[in-house]
Amino acid sequence: MGRLDRWTPPCEGFRFGEWEAVHRAVAHFMDDYAAEAAAHGWTAIDLFGVHGLAGAARVDSCGALMLPLLKNVTALTAETITFGPLTYRRRAMPESVLVWDLIGETL
């Protein structure tokens, strides 16, 4: 989180105001679920991945925490993360890169 500025979206694909809410949800996740996610084998790409060219605009390449769901995590398993009534299922994302690797790049 250190390289992710709360006020500046790190890549393309976030609408006005979405990034601040995503950043807040990531902070909540890191405080309450990071250790559990690591124990279940969730990787940085699983959580913080975005498409290498389209950023967050390609939701099929977004990690669980990079989707603008605007909800905090409410449950976590080895294969799913639940955000209120929505559930994210872990899957392969071969075109994804870590969101902080796109900071400062023009997409």
N, C-alpha and C. Protein backbone atom coordinates (compact mmCIF):
# COMPACT_ATOMS: atom_id res chain seq x y z
N MET A 1 0.83 -1.19 0.00
CA MET A 1 0.00 0.00 0.00
C MET A 1 0.87 1.25 0.00
N GLY A 2 2.11 1.13 0.41
CA GLY A 2 2.96 2.30 0.53
C GLY A 2 3.11 3.07 -0.77
N ARG A 3 3.14 2.38 -1.90
CA ARG A 3 3.33 3.07 -3.18
C ARG A 3 2.01 3.49 -3.81
N LEU A 4 0.89 3.12 -3.21
CA LEU A 4 -0.42 3.45 -3.77
C LEU A 4 -0.97 4.69 -3.08
N ASP A 5 -0.99 5.80 -3.80
CA ASP A 5 -1.51 7.06 -3.27
C ASP A 5 -3.03 7.00 -3.21
N ARG A 6 -3.57 7.38 -2.09
CA ARG A 6 -5.03 7.33 -1.88
C ARG A 6 -5.79 8.21 -2.88
N TRP A 7 -5.18 9.28 -3.33
CA TRP A 7 -5.89 10.26 -4.14
C TRP A 7 -5.66 10.11 -5.64
N THR A 8 -4.64 9.37 -6.04
CA THR A 8 -4.30 9.26 -7.45
C THR A 8 -4.42 7.82 -7.92
N PRO A 9 -5.36 7.53 -8.82
CA PRO A 9 -5.47 6.16 -9.34
C PRO A 9 -4.15 5.71 -9.95
N PRO A 10 -3.74 4.48 -9.68
CA PRO A 10 -2.45 4.00 -10.17
C PRO A 10 -2.44 3.61 -11.64
N CYS A 11 -3.63 3.47 -12.24
CA CYS A 11 -3.71 3.05 -13.63
C CYS A 11 -5.06 3.46 -14.20
N GLU A 12 -5.21 3.27 -15.49
CA GLU A 12 -6.47 3.53 -16.17
C GLU A 12 -7.55 2.56 -15.68
N GLY A 13 -8.79 2.96 -15.86
CA GLY A 13 -9.91 2.05 -15.60
C GLY A 13 -10.73 2.36 -14.37
N PHE A 14 -10.28 3.29 -13.55
CA PHE A 14 -11.07 3.69 -12.39
C PHE A 14 -11.82 4.98 -12.73
N ARG A 15 -13.13 4.98 -12.48
CA ARG A 15 -13.92 6.20 -12.70
C ARG A 15 -13.65 7.19 -11.57
N PHE A 16 -14.06 8.43 -11.79
CA PHE A 16 -13.86 9.48 -10.79
C PHE A 16 -14.41 9.03 -9.43
N GLY A 17 -13.58 9.10 -8.41
CA GLY A 17 -13.99 8.76 -7.06
C GLY A 17 -13.88 7.30 -6.68
N GLU A 18 -13.73 6.40 -7.66
CA GLU A 18 -13.66 4.96 -7.35
C GLU A 18 -12.37 4.58 -6.64
N TRP A 19 -11.26 5.14 -7.08
CA TRP A 19 -9.98 4.72 -6.53
C TRP A 19 -9.90 4.97 -5.02
N GLU A 20 -10.39 6.09 -4.54
CA GLU A 20 -10.33 6.37 -3.11
C GLU A 20 -11.08 5.29 -2.32
N ALA A 21 -12.24 4.86 -2.81
CA ALA A 21 -13.00 3.80 -2.14
C ALA A 21 -12.27 2.47 -2.21
N VAL A 22 -11.66 2.16 -3.36
CA VAL A 22 -10.89 0.92 -3.49
C VAL A 22 -9.71 0.96 -2.51
N HIS A 23 -9.02 2.06 -2.46
CA HIS A 23 -7.87 2.22 -1.55
C HIS A 23 -8.30 1.98 -0.10
N ARG A 24 -9.43 2.55 0.28
CA ARG A 24 -9.96 2.38 1.64
C ARG A 24 -10.28 0.90 1.92
N ALA A 25 -10.90 0.22 0.94
CA ALA A 25 -11.23 -1.19 1.11
C ALA A 25 -9.96 -2.05 1.20
N VAL A 26 -8.92 -1.67 0.44
CA VAL A 26 -7.64 -2.39 0.51
C VAL A 26 -7.03 -2.23 1.91
N ALA A 27 -7.09 -1.02 2.46
CA ALA A 27 -6.56 -0.79 3.81
C ALA A 27 -7.30 -1.65 4.83
N HIS A 28 -8.61 -1.73 4.71
CA HIS A 28 -9.41 -2.58 5.60
C HIS A 28 -8.99 -4.04 5.44
N PHE A 29 -8.84 -4.49 4.20
CA PHE A 29 -8.42 -5.87 3.94
C PHE A 29 -7.07 -6.16 4.57
N MET A 30 -6.11 -5.26 4.38
CA MET A 30 -4.78 -5.48 4.92
C MET A 30 -4.81 -5.57 6.44
N ASP A 31 -5.63 -4.78 7.09
CA ASP A 31 -5.73 -4.82 8.55
C ASP A 31 -6.41 -6.09 9.04
N ASP A 32 -7.46 -6.53 8.35
CA ASP A 32 -8.32 -7.59 8.88
C ASP A 32 -8.17 -8.97 8.21
N TYR A 33 -7.66 -9.03 6.99
CA TYR A 33 -7.68 -10.31 6.26
C TYR A 33 -6.35 -10.71 5.61
N ALA A 34 -5.35 -9.86 5.62
CA ALA A 34 -4.11 -10.16 4.89
C ALA A 34 -3.46 -11.46 5.35
N ALA A 35 -3.35 -11.68 6.64
CA ALA A 35 -2.71 -12.90 7.14
C ALA A 35 -3.51 -14.14 6.75
N GLU A 36 -4.82 -14.04 6.86
CA GLU A 36 -5.68 -15.17 6.48
C GLU A 36 -5.57 -15.46 4.99
N ALA A 37 -5.54 -14.41 4.16
CA ALA A 37 -5.41 -14.60 2.71
C ALA A 37 -4.09 -15.28 2.39
N ALA A 38 -3.02 -14.84 3.02
CA ALA A 38 -1.71 -15.47 2.79
C ALA A 38 -1.73 -16.94 3.20
N ALA A 39 -2.37 -17.24 4.30
CA ALA A 39 -2.46 -18.63 4.77
C ALA A 39 -3.25 -19.50 3.78
N HIS A 40 -4.19 -18.89 3.07
CA HIS A 40 -4.99 -19.61 2.07
C HIS A 40 -4.32 -19.63 0.70
N GLY A 41 -3.15 -19.01 0.57
CA GLY A 41 -2.41 -19.06 -0.68
C GLY A 41 -2.75 -17.97 -1.70
N TRP A 42 -3.48 -16.94 -1.30
CA TRP A 42 -3.77 -15.84 -2.21
C TRP A 42 -2.46 -15.11 -2.50
N THR A 43 -2.19 -14.85 -3.78
CA THR A 43 -0.95 -14.17 -4.18
C THR A 43 -1.21 -12.69 -4.41
N ALA A 44 -0.14 -11.94 -4.58
CA ALA A 44 -0.28 -10.51 -4.87
C ALA A 44 -1.06 -10.29 -6.16
N ILE A 45 -0.82 -11.11 -7.19
CA ILE A 45 -1.58 -10.98 -8.45
C ILE A 45 -3.05 -11.28 -8.21
N ASP A 46 -3.35 -12.30 -7.42
CA ASP A 46 -4.75 -12.63 -7.10
C ASP A 46 -5.48 -11.44 -6.49
N LEU A 47 -4.77 -10.65 -5.73
CA LEU A 47 -5.38 -9.53 -5.01
C LEU A 47 -5.21 -8.20 -5.72
N PHE A 48 -4.02 -7.93 -6.24
CA PHE A 48 -3.67 -6.61 -6.76
C PHE A 48 -3.37 -6.59 -8.25
N GLY A 49 -3.77 -7.63 -8.97
CA GLY A 49 -3.51 -7.68 -10.40
C GLY A 49 -4.45 -6.77 -11.19
N VAL A 50 -3.92 -6.21 -12.26
CA VAL A 50 -4.70 -5.48 -13.26
C VAL A 50 -4.13 -5.84 -14.63
N HIS A 51 -4.89 -5.60 -15.66
CA HIS A 51 -4.42 -5.91 -17.01
C HIS A 51 -3.19 -5.07 -17.33
N GLY A 52 -2.19 -5.69 -17.93
CA GLY A 52 -0.94 -5.01 -18.23
C GLY A 52 -1.05 -3.84 -19.18
N LEU A 53 -2.06 -3.82 -20.04
CA LEU A 53 -2.25 -2.71 -20.98
C LEU A 53 -3.47 -1.85 -20.66
N ALA A 54 -4.55 -2.46 -20.23
CA ALA A 54 -5.81 -1.73 -20.01
C ALA A 54 -6.07 -1.39 -18.56
N GLY A 55 -5.19 -1.79 -17.67
CA GLY A 55 -5.39 -1.48 -16.26
C GLY A 55 -6.66 -2.11 -15.72
N ALA A 56 -7.37 -1.37 -14.89
CA ALA A 56 -8.59 -1.86 -14.24
C ALA A 56 -9.79 -1.89 -15.19
N ALA A 57 -9.62 -1.35 -16.38
CA ALA A 57 -10.72 -1.36 -17.36
C ALA A 57 -11.04 -2.79 -17.81
N ARG A 58 -10.09 -3.69 -17.74
CA ARG A 58 -10.31 -5.10 -18.09
C ARG A 58 -10.58 -5.86 -16.81
N VAL A 59 -11.84 -5.90 -16.39
CA VAL A 59 -12.18 -6.52 -15.11
C VAL A 59 -11.88 -8.01 -15.09
N ASP A 60 -11.80 -8.65 -16.25
CA ASP A 60 -11.46 -10.07 -16.28
C ASP A 60 -10.01 -10.32 -15.88
N SER A 61 -9.20 -9.26 -15.81
CA SER A 61 -7.80 -9.39 -15.41
C SER A 61 -7.53 -8.69 -14.08
N CYS A 62 -8.58 -8.31 -13.37
CA CYS A 62 -8.41 -7.62 -12.09
C CYS A 62 -8.41 -8.60 -10.94
N GLY A 63 -7.48 -8.37 -10.02
CA GLY A 63 -7.48 -9.12 -8.78
C GLY A 63 -8.65 -8.70 -7.91
N ALA A 64 -8.89 -9.47 -6.88
CA ALA A 64 -10.06 -9.26 -6.03
C ALA A 64 -10.14 -7.86 -5.45
N LEU A 65 -9.02 -7.26 -5.11
CA LEU A 65 -9.06 -5.95 -4.46
C LEU A 65 -9.00 -4.79 -5.45
N MET A 66 -8.87 -5.05 -6.72
CA MET A 66 -8.79 -3.98 -7.71
C MET A 66 -10.12 -3.71 -8.41
N LEU A 67 -11.15 -4.40 -8.03
CA LEU A 67 -12.48 -4.14 -8.59
C LEU A 67 -13.16 -3.07 -7.75
N PRO A 68 -13.81 -2.12 -8.39
CA PRO A 68 -14.46 -1.04 -7.64
C PRO A 68 -15.80 -1.49 -7.04
N LEU A 69 -15.74 -2.45 -6.13
CA LEU A 69 -16.96 -2.99 -5.53
C LEU A 69 -17.49 -2.09 -4.43
N LEU A 70 -16.64 -1.19 -3.93
CA LEU A 70 -17.02 -0.20 -2.94
C LEU A 70 -17.58 -0.83 -1.66
N LYS A 71 -17.17 -2.05 -1.38
CA LYS A 71 -17.58 -2.76 -0.16
C LYS A 71 -16.33 -3.34 0.49
N ASN A 72 -16.37 -3.48 1.80
CA ASN A 72 -15.30 -4.16 2.50
C ASN A 72 -15.48 -5.66 2.41
N VAL A 73 -14.40 -6.39 2.57
CA VAL A 73 -14.45 -7.84 2.60
C VAL A 73 -15.22 -8.29 3.83
N THR A 74 -16.08 -9.28 3.64
CA THR A 74 -16.85 -9.81 4.75
C THR A 74 -16.53 -11.28 5.03
N ALA A 75 -15.89 -11.97 4.08
CA ALA A 75 -15.52 -13.37 4.28
C ALA A 75 -14.44 -13.74 3.28
N LEU A 76 -13.64 -14.75 3.64
CA LEU A 76 -12.54 -15.19 2.79
C LEU A 76 -12.37 -16.69 2.95
N THR A 77 -12.18 -17.39 1.81
CA THR A 77 -11.84 -18.81 1.81
C THR A 77 -10.62 -19.00 0.91
N ALA A 78 -10.23 -20.22 0.69
CA ALA A 78 -9.10 -20.50 -0.20
C ALA A 78 -9.40 -20.15 -1.65
N GLU A 79 -10.65 -20.11 -2.03
CA GLU A 79 -11.01 -19.86 -3.43
C GLU A 79 -11.88 -18.62 -3.65
N THR A 80 -12.43 -18.03 -2.59
CA THR A 80 -13.34 -16.90 -2.77
C THR A 80 -13.07 -15.79 -1.74
N ILE A 81 -13.42 -14.58 -2.16
CA ILE A 81 -13.46 -13.44 -1.25
C ILE A 81 -14.84 -12.81 -1.44
N THR A 82 -15.53 -12.60 -0.33
CA THR A 82 -16.88 -12.06 -0.38
C THR A 82 -16.87 -10.60 0.05
N PHE A 83 -17.57 -9.80 -0.73
CA PHE A 83 -17.74 -8.37 -0.48
C PHE A 83 -19.24 -8.14 -0.33
N GLY A 84 -19.74 -8.18 0.88
CA GLY A 84 -21.20 -8.05 1.06
C GLY A 84 -21.90 -9.16 0.29
N PRO A 85 -22.81 -8.79 -0.64
CA PRO A 85 -23.54 -9.82 -1.39
C PRO A 85 -22.79 -10.37 -2.61
N LEU A 86 -21.59 -9.84 -2.92
CA LEU A 86 -20.84 -10.25 -4.11
C LEU A 86 -19.67 -11.15 -3.73
N THR A 87 -19.40 -12.14 -4.57
CA THR A 87 -18.29 -13.06 -4.32
C THR A 87 -17.34 -13.07 -5.51
N TYR A 88 -16.06 -12.91 -5.23
CA TYR A 88 -14.99 -12.98 -6.22
C TYR A 88 -14.38 -14.37 -6.12
N ARG A 89 -14.24 -15.05 -7.27
CA ARG A 89 -13.65 -16.38 -7.30
C ARG A 89 -12.25 -16.30 -7.91
N ARG A 90 -11.30 -16.89 -7.23
CA ARG A 90 -9.92 -16.88 -7.70
C ARG A 90 -9.82 -17.62 -9.03
N ARG A 91 -9.01 -17.08 -9.95
CA ARG A 91 -8.85 -17.69 -11.27
C ARG A 91 -7.50 -17.27 -11.84
N ALA A 92 -7.06 -17.95 -12.87
CA ALA A 92 -5.81 -17.58 -13.54
C ALA A 92 -6.01 -16.27 -14.30
N MET A 93 -5.02 -15.39 -14.23
CA MET A 93 -5.07 -14.11 -14.93
C MET A 93 -3.72 -13.87 -15.61
N PRO A 94 -3.45 -14.56 -16.71
CA PRO A 94 -2.11 -14.51 -17.32
C PRO A 94 -1.71 -13.14 -17.87
N GLU A 95 -2.66 -12.25 -18.12
CA GLU A 95 -2.32 -10.94 -18.67
C GLU A 95 -2.17 -9.88 -17.59
N SER A 96 -2.25 -10.28 -16.34
CA SER A 96 -2.22 -9.33 -15.23
C SER A 96 -0.80 -9.01 -14.78
N VAL A 97 -0.65 -7.78 -14.30
CA VAL A 97 0.57 -7.32 -13.64
C VAL A 97 0.14 -6.70 -12.32
N LEU A 98 1.09 -6.47 -11.44
CA LEU A 98 0.76 -5.83 -10.18
C LEU A 98 0.44 -4.36 -10.41
N VAL A 99 -0.60 -3.89 -9.79
CA VAL A 99 -1.09 -2.53 -10.04
C VAL A 99 0.01 -1.49 -9.81
N TRP A 100 0.86 -1.68 -8.83
CA TRP A 100 1.89 -0.69 -8.56
C TRP A 100 2.97 -0.67 -9.62
N ASP A 101 3.04 -1.70 -10.46
CA ASP A 101 4.00 -1.67 -11.57
C ASP A 101 3.55 -0.74 -12.69
N LEU A 102 2.31 -0.29 -12.67
CA LEU A 102 1.81 0.62 -13.69
C LEU A 102 1.83 2.09 -13.24
N ILE A 103 2.17 2.35 -12.01
CA ILE A 103 2.19 3.73 -11.52
C ILE A 103 3.12 4.57 -12.37
N GLY A 104 2.59 5.67 -12.85
CA GLY A 104 3.38 6.61 -13.64
C GLY A 104 3.42 6.30 -15.12
N GLU A 105 2.86 5.15 -15.54
CA GLU A 105 2.82 4.84 -16.97
C GLU A 105 1.55 5.41 -17.59
N THR A 106 1.66 5.89 -18.79
CA THR A 106 0.50 6.33 -19.54
C THR A 106 0.00 5.15 -20.34
N LEU A 107 -1.24 4.78 -20.12
CA LEU A 107 -1.81 3.62 -20.82
C LEU A 107 -2.51 4.04 -22.08
